[in-house]
Amino acid sequence: MNSNISLEKDGCELRPAYDPGQESFSIQLWVNGRIAAIHGLRDSFTSAKECIKHLDAFMSRHGLMSISSTEKAHLFGALLHCAQKSGAQKPPTR
């Protein structure tokens, strides 16, 4: 399952992540194969819903257009999958 979202801008993609140690969700912005920024680095998102809710502001700060609601739903599911895959004792369900 490819959980990454490719963006209009060449070489840009969003990658979901979950840190079981911090119990927090994040979305990594990759540009040309390198990590450029992390949504969730400054703010600790303890739910996938909260992470997605604030994604548009992150995208805007980095000069990117918002992604569609369908892509947001895909990313939301991918965040939950990351949490489950991490082996978290109690993966968040939100």
PDB file of N, CA and C in Angstrom:
ATOM      1  N   MET A   1       0.847  -1.180   0.000  1.00  0.00           N
ATOM      2  CA  MET A   1       0.000   0.000   0.000  1.00  0.00           C
ATOM      3  C   MET A   1       0.891   1.241   0.000  1.00  0.00           C
ATOM      4  N   ASN A   2       0.756   2.053  -1.027  1.00  0.00           N
ATOM      5  CA  ASN A   2       1.502   3.311  -1.067  1.00  0.00           C
ATOM      6  C   ASN A   2       0.696   4.369  -0.330  1.00  0.00           C
ATOM      7  N   SER A   3       1.210   4.833   0.775  1.00  0.00           N
ATOM      8  CA  SER A   3       0.478   5.795   1.599  1.00  0.00           C
ATOM      9  C   SER A   3       0.937   7.227   1.354  1.00  0.00           C
ATOM     10  N   ASN A   4       1.879   7.425   0.434  1.00  0.00           N
ATOM     11  CA  ASN A   4       2.388   8.763   0.147  1.00  0.00           C
ATOM     12  C   ASN A   4       1.467   9.492  -0.816  1.00  0.00           C
ATOM     13  N   ILE A   5       1.436  10.810  -0.707  1.00  0.00           N
ATOM     14  CA  ILE A   5       0.647  11.656  -1.600  1.00  0.00           C
ATOM     15  C   ILE A   5       1.618  12.504  -2.413  1.00  0.00           C
ATOM     16  N   SER A   6       1.617  12.319  -3.729  1.00  0.00           N
ATOM     17  CA  SER A   6       2.443  13.146  -4.610  1.00  0.00           C
ATOM     18  C   SER A   6       1.728  14.470  -4.837  1.00  0.00           C
ATOM     19  N   LEU A   7       2.488  15.552  -4.862  1.00  0.00           N
ATOM     20  CA  LEU A   7       1.912  16.884  -5.032  1.00  0.00           C
ATOM     21  C   LEU A   7       2.170  17.403  -6.435  1.00  0.00           C
ATOM     22  N   GLU A   8       1.427  18.471  -6.798  1.00  0.00           N
ATOM     23  CA  GLU A   8       1.569  19.084  -8.124  1.00  0.00           C
ATOM     24  C   GLU A   8       3.003  19.512  -8.400  1.00  0.00           C
ATOM     25  N   LYS A   9       3.629  20.079  -7.403  1.00  0.00           N
ATOM     26  CA  LYS A   9       4.994  20.559  -7.543  1.00  0.00           C
ATOM     27  C   LYS A   9       5.926  19.369  -7.767  1.00  0.00           C
ATOM     28  N   ASP A  10       6.730  19.435  -8.810  1.00  0.00           N
ATOM     29  CA  ASP A  10       7.629  18.321  -9.132  1.00  0.00           C
ATOM     30  C   ASP A  10       8.505  17.935  -7.951  1.00  0.00           C
ATOM     31  N   GLY A  11       8.566  16.645  -7.704  1.00  0.00           N
ATOM     32  CA  GLY A  11       9.459  16.134  -6.680  1.00  0.00           C
ATOM     33  C   GLY A  11       8.962  16.282  -5.262  1.00  0.00           C
ATOM     34  N   CYS A  12       7.720  16.754  -5.058  1.00  0.00           N
ATOM     35  CA  CYS A  12       7.182  16.942  -3.702  1.00  0.00           C
ATOM     36  C   CYS A  12       6.206  15.820  -3.368  1.00  0.00           C
ATOM     37  N   GLU A  13       6.307  15.335  -2.132  1.00  0.00           N
ATOM     38  CA  GLU A  13       5.345  14.345  -1.681  1.00  0.00           C
ATOM     39  C   GLU A  13       5.171  14.436  -0.175  1.00  0.00           C
ATOM     40  N   LEU A  14       3.984  14.033   0.273  1.00  0.00           N
ATOM     41  CA  LEU A  14       3.669  13.977   1.692  1.00  0.00           C
ATOM     42  C   LEU A  14       3.735  12.529   2.142  1.00  0.00           C
ATOM     43  N   ARG A  15       4.391  12.298   3.275  1.00  0.00           N
ATOM     44  CA  ARG A  15       4.507  10.938   3.819  1.00  0.00           C
ATOM     45  C   ARG A  15       4.020  10.934   5.261  1.00  0.00           C
ATOM     46  N   PRO A  16       3.056  10.064   5.579  1.00  0.00           N
ATOM     47  CA  PRO A  16       2.549   9.976   6.942  1.00  0.00           C
ATOM     48  C   PRO A  16       3.543   9.273   7.858  1.00  0.00           C
ATOM     49  N   ALA A  17       3.505   9.632   9.140  1.00  0.00           N
ATOM     50  CA  ALA A  17       4.395   8.993  10.118  1.00  0.00           C
ATOM     51  C   ALA A  17       3.725   8.980  11.491  1.00  0.00           C
ATOM     52  N   TYR A  18       4.140   8.022  12.297  1.00  0.00           N
ATOM     53  CA  TYR A  18       3.674   7.927  13.687  1.00  0.00           C
ATOM     54  C   TYR A  18       4.867   7.574  14.556  1.00  0.00           C
ATOM     55  N   ASP A  19       5.032   8.304  15.657  1.00  0.00           N
ATOM     56  CA  ASP A  19       6.120   8.054  16.598  1.00  0.00           C
ATOM     57  C   ASP A  19       5.523   7.404  17.844  1.00  0.00           C
ATOM     58  N   PRO A  20       5.730   6.098  18.031  1.00  0.00           N
ATOM     59  CA  PRO A  20       5.133   5.430  19.185  1.00  0.00           C
ATOM     60  C   PRO A  20       5.703   5.899  20.517  1.00  0.00           C
ATOM     61  N   GLY A  21       6.948   6.341  20.527  1.00  0.00           N
ATOM     62  CA  GLY A  21       7.554   6.839  21.765  1.00  0.00           C
ATOM     63  C   GLY A  21       6.887   8.113  22.256  1.00  0.00           C
ATOM     64  N   GLN A  22       6.558   8.980  21.318  1.00  0.00           N
ATOM     65  CA  GLN A  22       5.889  10.242  21.651  1.00  0.00           C
ATOM     66  C   GLN A  22       4.370  10.133  21.530  1.00  0.00           C
ATOM     67  N   GLU A  23       3.908   9.010  20.975  1.00  0.00           N
ATOM     68  CA  GLU A  23       2.487   8.801  20.686  1.00  0.00           C
ATOM     69  C   GLU A  23       1.935   9.975  19.889  1.00  0.00           C
ATOM     70  N   SER A  24       2.646  10.325  18.809  1.00  0.00           N
ATOM     71  CA  SER A  24       2.233  11.477  18.011  1.00  0.00           C
ATOM     72  C   SER A  24       2.309  11.191  16.515  1.00  0.00           C
ATOM     73  N   PHE A  25       1.423  11.862  15.791  1.00  0.00           N
ATOM     74  CA  PHE A  25       1.337  11.748  14.349  1.00  0.00           C
ATOM     75  C   PHE A  25       2.050  12.918  13.697  1.00  0.00           C
ATOM     76  N   SER A  26       2.586  12.690  12.506  1.00  0.00           N
ATOM     77  CA  SER A  26       3.187  13.772  11.738  1.00  0.00           C
ATOM     78  C   SER A  26       3.070  13.449  10.259  1.00  0.00           C
ATOM     79  N   ILE A  27       3.277  14.468   9.442  1.00  0.00           N
ATOM     80  CA  ILE A  27       3.307  14.301   7.998  1.00  0.00           C
ATOM     81  C   ILE A  27       4.590  14.956   7.514  1.00  0.00           C
ATOM     82  N   GLN A  28       5.385  14.173   6.826  1.00  0.00           N
ATOM     83  CA  GLN A  28       6.672  14.666   6.333  1.00  0.00           C
ATOM     84  C   GLN A  28       6.502  15.198   4.916  1.00  0.00           C
ATOM     85  N   LEU A  29       7.100  16.354   4.662  1.00  0.00           N
ATOM     86  CA  LEU A  29       7.146  16.912   3.315  1.00  0.00           C
ATOM     87  C   LEU A  29       8.500  16.562   2.730  1.00  0.00           C
ATOM     88  N   TRP A  30       8.502  15.798   1.660  1.00  0.00           N
ATOM     89  CA  TRP A  30       9.722  15.398   0.969  1.00  0.00           C
ATOM     90  C   TRP A  30       9.815  16.149  -0.345  1.00  0.00           C
ATOM     91  N   VAL A  31      10.978  16.678  -0.651  1.00  0.00           N
ATOM     92  CA  VAL A  31      11.219  17.382  -1.906  1.00  0.00           C
ATOM     93  C   VAL A  31      12.469  16.776  -2.540  1.00  0.00           C
ATOM     94  N   ASN A  32      12.307  16.282  -3.754  1.00  0.00           N
ATOM     95  CA  ASN A  32      13.414  15.668  -4.493  1.00  0.00           C
ATOM     96  C   ASN A  32      14.160  14.612  -3.676  1.00  0.00           C
ATOM     97  N   GLY A  33      13.398  13.760  -2.992  1.00  0.00           N
ATOM     98  CA  GLY A  33      13.993  12.649  -2.260  1.00  0.00           C
ATOM     99  C   GLY A  33      14.584  12.986  -0.906  1.00  0.00           C
ATOM    100  N   ARG A  34      14.385  14.233  -0.453  1.00  0.00           N
ATOM    101  CA  ARG A  34      14.910  14.633   0.870  1.00  0.00           C
ATOM    102  C   ARG A  34      13.797  15.247   1.704  1.00  0.00           C
ATOM    103  N   ILE A  35      13.892  15.018   2.991  1.00  0.00           N
ATOM    104  CA  ILE A  35      12.898  15.598   3.886  1.00  0.00           C
ATOM    105  C   ILE A  35      13.124  17.107   3.987  1.00  0.00           C
ATOM    106  N   ALA A  36      12.061  17.876   3.753  1.00  0.00           N
ATOM    107  CA  ALA A  36      12.169  19.337   3.748  1.00  0.00           C
ATOM    108  C   ALA A  36      11.508  19.967   4.980  1.00  0.00           C
ATOM    109  N   ALA A  37      10.475  19.321   5.499  1.00  0.00           N
ATOM    110  CA  ALA A  37       9.764  19.859   6.661  1.00  0.00           C
ATOM    111  C   ALA A  37       8.899  18.749   7.254  1.00  0.00           C
ATOM    112  N   ILE A  38       8.536  18.941   8.523  1.00  0.00           N
ATOM    113  CA  ILE A  38       7.675  17.968   9.203  1.00  0.00           C
ATOM    114  C   ILE A  38       6.510  18.703   9.857  1.00  0.00           C
ATOM    115  N   HIS A  39       5.304  18.336   9.436  1.00  0.00           N
ATOM    116  CA  HIS A  39       4.077  18.850  10.049  1.00  0.00           C
ATOM    117  C   HIS A  39       3.841  17.999  11.296  1.00  0.00           C
ATOM    118  N   GLY A  40       4.009  18.612  12.453  1.00  0.00           N
ATOM    119  CA  GLY A  40       3.896  17.878  13.704  1.00  0.00           C
ATOM    120  C   GLY A  40       5.185  17.918  14.498  1.00  0.00           C
ATOM    121  N   LEU A  41       6.190  18.589  13.959  1.00  0.00           N
ATOM    122  CA  LEU A  41       7.459  18.716  14.676  1.00  0.00           C
ATOM    123  C   LEU A  41       7.321  19.729  15.811  1.00  0.00           C
ATOM    124  N   ARG A  42       6.718  20.890  15.505  1.00  0.00           N
ATOM    125  CA  ARG A  42       6.492  21.915  16.538  1.00  0.00           C
ATOM    126  C   ARG A  42       5.299  21.571  17.411  1.00  0.00           C
ATOM    127  N   ASP A  43       4.232  21.123  16.767  1.00  0.00           N
ATOM    128  CA  ASP A  43       3.005  20.756  17.484  1.00  0.00           C
ATOM    129  C   ASP A  43       2.963  19.243  17.590  1.00  0.00           C
ATOM    130  N   SER A  44       2.606  18.753  18.748  1.00  0.00           N
ATOM    131  CA  SER A  44       2.503  17.316  18.923  1.00  0.00           C
ATOM    132  C   SER A  44       1.052  16.909  18.694  1.00  0.00           C
ATOM    133  N   PHE A  45       0.804  16.205  17.591  1.00  0.00           N
ATOM    134  CA  PHE A  45      -0.553  15.772  17.266  1.00  0.00           C
ATOM    135  C   PHE A  45      -0.774  14.367  17.801  1.00  0.00           C
ATOM    136  N   THR A  46      -1.618  14.255  18.818  1.00  0.00           N
ATOM    137  CA  THR A  46      -1.884  12.952  19.420  1.00  0.00           C
ATOM    138  C   THR A  46      -3.030  12.226  18.729  1.00  0.00           C
ATOM    139  N   SER A  47      -3.641  12.868  17.728  1.00  0.00           N
ATOM    140  CA  SER A  47      -4.670  12.192  16.938  1.00  0.00           C
ATOM    141  C   SER A  47      -4.434  12.490  15.459  1.00  0.00           C
ATOM    142  N   ALA A  48      -4.773  11.512  14.629  1.00  0.00           N
ATOM    143  CA  ALA A  48      -4.639  11.680  13.182  1.00  0.00           C
ATOM    144  C   ALA A  48      -5.573  12.792  12.708  1.00  0.00           C
ATOM    145  N   LYS A  49      -6.736  12.882  13.323  1.00  0.00           N
ATOM    146  CA  LYS A  49      -7.724  13.905  12.948  1.00  0.00           C
ATOM    147  C   LYS A  49      -7.150  15.304  13.144  1.00  0.00           C
ATOM    148  N   GLU A  50      -6.497  15.530  14.255  1.00  0.00           N
ATOM    149  CA  GLU A  50      -5.901  16.839  14.555  1.00  0.00           C
ATOM    150  C   GLU A  50      -4.766  17.151  13.568  1.00  0.00           C
ATOM    151  N   CYS A  51      -4.000  16.167  13.229  1.00  0.00           N
ATOM    152  CA  CYS A  51      -2.896  16.341  12.283  1.00  0.00           C
ATOM    153  C   CYS A  51      -3.437  16.797  10.922  1.00  0.00           C
ATOM    154  N   ILE A  52      -4.483  16.137  10.440  1.00  0.00           N
ATOM    155  CA  ILE A  52      -5.093  16.485   9.158  1.00  0.00           C
ATOM    156  C   ILE A  52      -5.765  17.855   9.231  1.00  0.00           C
ATOM    157  N   LYS A  53      -6.395  18.147  10.355  1.00  0.00           N
ATOM    158  CA  LYS A  53      -7.112  19.416  10.532  1.00  0.00           C
ATOM    159  C   LYS A  53      -6.202  20.626  10.292  1.00  0.00           C
ATOM    160  N   HIS A  54      -4.956  20.536  10.673  1.00  0.00           N
ATOM    161  CA  HIS A  54      -4.033  21.665  10.561  1.00  0.00           C
ATOM    162  C   HIS A  54      -3.089  21.563   9.356  1.00  0.00           C
ATOM    163  N   LEU A  55      -3.334  20.617   8.486  1.00  0.00           N
ATOM    164  CA  LEU A  55      -2.450  20.396   7.340  1.00  0.00           C
ATOM    165  C   LEU A  55      -2.446  21.563   6.348  1.00  0.00           C
ATOM    166  N   ASP A  56      -3.609  22.167   6.097  1.00  0.00           N
ATOM    167  CA  ASP A  56      -3.683  23.264   5.117  1.00  0.00           C
ATOM    168  C   ASP A  56      -2.758  24.425   5.481  1.00  0.00           C
ATOM    169  N   ALA A  57      -2.698  24.782   6.753  1.00  0.00           N
ATOM    170  CA  ALA A  57      -1.826  25.880   7.189  1.00  0.00           C
ATOM    171  C   ALA A  57      -0.360  25.523   6.952  1.00  0.00           C
ATOM    172  N   PHE A  58       0.009  24.284   7.223  1.00  0.00           N
ATOM    173  CA  PHE A  58       1.372  23.808   6.977  1.00  0.00           C
ATOM    174  C   PHE A  58       1.704  23.911   5.490  1.00  0.00           C
ATOM    175  N   MET A  59       0.781  23.449   4.661  1.00  0.00           N
ATOM    176  CA  MET A  59       0.998  23.484   3.208  1.00  0.00           C
ATOM    177  C   MET A  59       1.181  24.926   2.733  1.00  0.00           C
ATOM    178  N   SER A  60       0.360  25.812   3.229  1.00  0.00           N
ATOM    179  CA  SER A  60       0.436  27.223   2.847  1.00  0.00           C
ATOM    180  C   SER A  60       1.769  27.833   3.242  1.00  0.00           C
ATOM    181  N   ARG A  61       2.246  27.519   4.448  1.00  0.00           N
ATOM    182  CA  ARG A  61       3.540  28.051   4.909  1.00  0.00           C
ATOM    183  C   ARG A  61       4.692  27.614   4.008  1.00  0.00           C
ATOM    184  N   HIS A  62       4.504  26.506   3.321  1.00  0.00           N
ATOM    185  CA  HIS A  62       5.563  25.983   2.457  1.00  0.00           C
ATOM    186  C   HIS A  62       5.285  26.227   0.970  1.00  0.00           C
ATOM    187  N   GLY A  63       4.345  27.151   0.709  1.00  0.00           N
ATOM    188  CA  GLY A  63       4.057  27.551  -0.664  1.00  0.00           C
ATOM    189  C   GLY A  63       3.371  26.490  -1.503  1.00  0.00           C
ATOM    190  N   LEU A  64       2.636  25.604  -0.852  1.00  0.00           N
ATOM    191  CA  LEU A  64       1.956  24.526  -1.550  1.00  0.00           C
ATOM    192  C   LEU A  64       0.449  24.692  -1.449  1.00  0.00           C
ATOM    193  N   MET A  65      -0.248  24.229  -2.471  1.00  0.00           N
ATOM    194  CA  MET A  65      -1.709  24.260  -2.456  1.00  0.00           C
ATOM    195  C   MET A  65      -2.234  23.138  -1.574  1.00  0.00           C
ATOM    196  N   SER A  66      -3.416  23.347  -1.025  1.00  0.00           N
ATOM    197  CA  SER A  66      -4.062  22.313  -0.212  1.00  0.00           C
ATOM    198  C   SER A  66      -4.333  21.078  -1.059  1.00  0.00           C
ATOM    199  N   ILE A  67      -4.362  19.940  -0.406  1.00  0.00           N
ATOM    200  CA  ILE A  67      -4.718  18.710  -1.104  1.00  0.00           C
ATOM    201  C   ILE A  67      -6.233  18.519  -1.016  1.00  0.00           C
ATOM    202  N   SER A  68      -6.766  17.653  -1.849  1.00  0.00           N
ATOM    203  CA  SER A  68      -8.216  17.427  -1.900  1.00  0.00           C
ATOM    204  C   SER A  68      -8.708  16.692  -0.654  1.00  0.00           C
ATOM    205  N   SER A  69     -10.017  16.720  -0.453  1.00  0.00           N
ATOM    206  CA  SER A  69     -10.596  16.003   0.695  1.00  0.00           C
ATOM    207  C   SER A  69     -10.392  14.496   0.547  1.00  0.00           C
ATOM    208  N   THR A  70     -10.379  13.998  -0.689  1.00  0.00           N
ATOM    209  CA  THR A  70     -10.121  12.579  -0.930  1.00  0.00           C
ATOM    210  C   THR A  70      -8.692  12.228  -0.519  1.00  0.00           C
ATOM    211  N   GLU A  71      -7.743  13.095  -0.872  1.00  0.00           N
ATOM    212  CA  GLU A  71      -6.348  12.857  -0.490  1.00  0.00           C
ATOM    213  C   GLU A  71      -6.170  12.963   1.023  1.00  0.00           C
ATOM    214  N   LYS A  72      -6.892  13.890   1.642  1.00  0.00           N
ATOM    215  CA  LYS A  72      -6.836  14.011   3.105  1.00  0.00           C
ATOM    216  C   LYS A  72      -7.369  12.742   3.765  1.00  0.00           C
ATOM    217  N   ALA A  73      -8.456  12.188   3.224  1.00  0.00           N
ATOM    218  CA  ALA A  73      -9.022  10.957   3.775  1.00  0.00           C
ATOM    219  C   ALA A  73      -8.027   9.805   3.623  1.00  0.00           C
ATOM    220  N   HIS A  74      -7.352   9.736   2.485  1.00  0.00           N
ATOM    221  CA  HIS A  74      -6.323   8.712   2.256  1.00  0.00           C
ATOM    222  C   HIS A  74      -5.184   8.863   3.267  1.00  0.00           C
ATOM    223  N   LEU A  75      -4.745  10.100   3.473  1.00  0.00           N
ATOM    224  CA  LEU A  75      -3.654  10.381   4.398  1.00  0.00           C
ATOM    225  C   LEU A  75      -4.069  10.056   5.837  1.00  0.00           C
ATOM    226  N   PHE A  76      -5.311  10.359   6.184  1.00  0.00           N
ATOM    227  CA  PHE A  76      -5.848  10.037   7.507  1.00  0.00           C
ATOM    228  C   PHE A  76      -5.761   8.529   7.760  1.00  0.00           C
ATOM    229  N   GLY A  77      -6.238   7.748   6.802  1.00  0.00           N
ATOM    230  CA  GLY A  77      -6.171   6.293   6.932  1.00  0.00           C
ATOM    231  C   GLY A  77      -4.733   5.798   7.017  1.00  0.00           C
ATOM    232  N   ALA A  78      -3.860   6.424   6.249  1.00  0.00           N
ATOM    233  CA  ALA A  78      -2.448   6.039   6.258  1.00  0.00           C
ATOM    234  C   ALA A  78      -1.794   6.352   7.605  1.00  0.00           C
ATOM    235  N   LEU A  79      -2.190   7.447   8.225  1.00  0.00           N
ATOM    236  CA  LEU A  79      -1.666   7.790   9.560  1.00  0.00           C
ATOM    237  C   LEU A  79      -2.071   6.718  10.570  1.00  0.00           C
ATOM    238  N   LEU A  80      -3.349   6.308  10.523  1.00  0.00           N
ATOM    239  CA  LEU A  80      -3.813   5.260  11.436  1.00  0.00           C
ATOM    240  C   LEU A  80      -3.086   3.945  11.168  1.00  0.00           C
ATOM    241  N   HIS A  81      -2.851   3.654   9.901  1.00  0.00           N
ATOM    242  CA  HIS A  81      -2.115   2.441   9.537  1.00  0.00           C
ATOM    243  C   HIS A  81      -0.689   2.490  10.102  1.00  0.00           C
ATOM    244  N   CYS A  82      -0.056   3.653  10.026  1.00  0.00           N
ATOM    245  CA  CYS A  82       1.302   3.819  10.584  1.00  0.00           C
ATOM    246  C   CYS A  82       1.308   3.514  12.078  1.00  0.00           C
ATOM    247  N   ALA A  83       0.284   3.994  12.777  1.00  0.00           N
ATOM    248  CA  ALA A  83       0.208   3.760  14.223  1.00  0.00           C
ATOM    249  C   ALA A  83       0.054   2.270  14.513  1.00  0.00           C
ATOM    250  N   GLN A  84      -0.800   1.598  13.765  1.00  0.00           N
ATOM    251  CA  GLN A  84      -1.009   0.164  13.965  1.00  0.00           C
ATOM    252  C   GLN A  84       0.257  -0.619  13.626  1.00  0.00           C
ATOM    253  N   LYS A  85       0.903  -0.229  12.545  1.00  0.00           N
ATOM    254  CA  LYS A  85       2.112  -0.917  12.084  1.00  0.00           C
ATOM    255  C   LYS A  85       3.279  -0.719  13.054  1.00  0.00           C
ATOM    256  N   SER A  86       3.248   0.365  13.822  1.00  0.00           N
ATOM    257  CA  SER A  86       4.354   0.671  14.733  1.00  0.00           C
ATOM    258  C   SER A  86       4.401  -0.281  15.923  1.00  0.00           C
ATOM    259  N   GLY A  87       3.311  -1.018  16.108  1.00  0.00           N
ATOM    260  CA  GLY A  87       3.271  -1.929  17.240  1.00  0.00           C
ATOM    261  C   GLY A  87       2.862  -1.236  18.526  1.00  0.00           C
ATOM    262  N   ALA A  88       2.269  -0.061  18.403  1.00  0.00           N
ATOM    263  CA  ALA A  88       1.806   0.671  19.579  1.00  0.00           C
ATOM    264  C   ALA A  88       0.861  -0.218  20.380  1.00  0.00           C
ATOM    265  N   GLN A  89       0.985  -0.179  21.691  1.00  0.00           N
ATOM    266  CA  GLN A  89       0.136  -0.992  22.559  1.00  0.00           C
ATOM    267  C   GLN A  89      -1.335  -0.691  22.336  1.00  0.00           C
ATOM    268  N   LYS A  90      -1.662   0.604  22.313  1.00  0.00           N
ATOM    269  CA  LYS A  90      -3.035   1.039  22.076  1.00  0.00           C
ATOM    270  C   LYS A  90      -3.016   2.048  20.944  1.00  0.00           C
ATOM    271  N   PRO A  91      -3.029   1.605  19.687  1.00  0.00           N
ATOM    272  CA  PRO A  91      -2.995   2.564  18.583  1.00  0.00           C
ATOM    273  C   PRO A  91      -4.176   3.525  18.660  1.00  0.00           C
ATOM    274  N   PRO A  92      -3.935   4.806  18.471  1.00  0.00           N
ATOM    275  CA  PRO A  92      -5.035   5.771  18.488  1.00  0.00           C
ATOM    276  C   PRO A  92      -6.045   5.439  17.397  1.00  0.00           C
ATOM    277  N   THR A  93      -7.306   5.660  17.698  1.00  0.00           N
ATOM    278  CA  THR A  93      -8.358   5.346  16.740  1.00  0.00           C
ATOM    279  C   THR A  93      -8.987   6.603  16.161  1.00  0.00           C
ATOM    280  N   ARG A  94      -8.471   7.773  16.530  1.00  0.00           N
ATOM    281  CA  ARG A  94      -9.062   9.016  16.026  1.00  0.00           C
ATOM    282  C   ARG A  94      -8.208   9.564  14.932  1.00  0.00           C
TER     283      ARG A  94
END
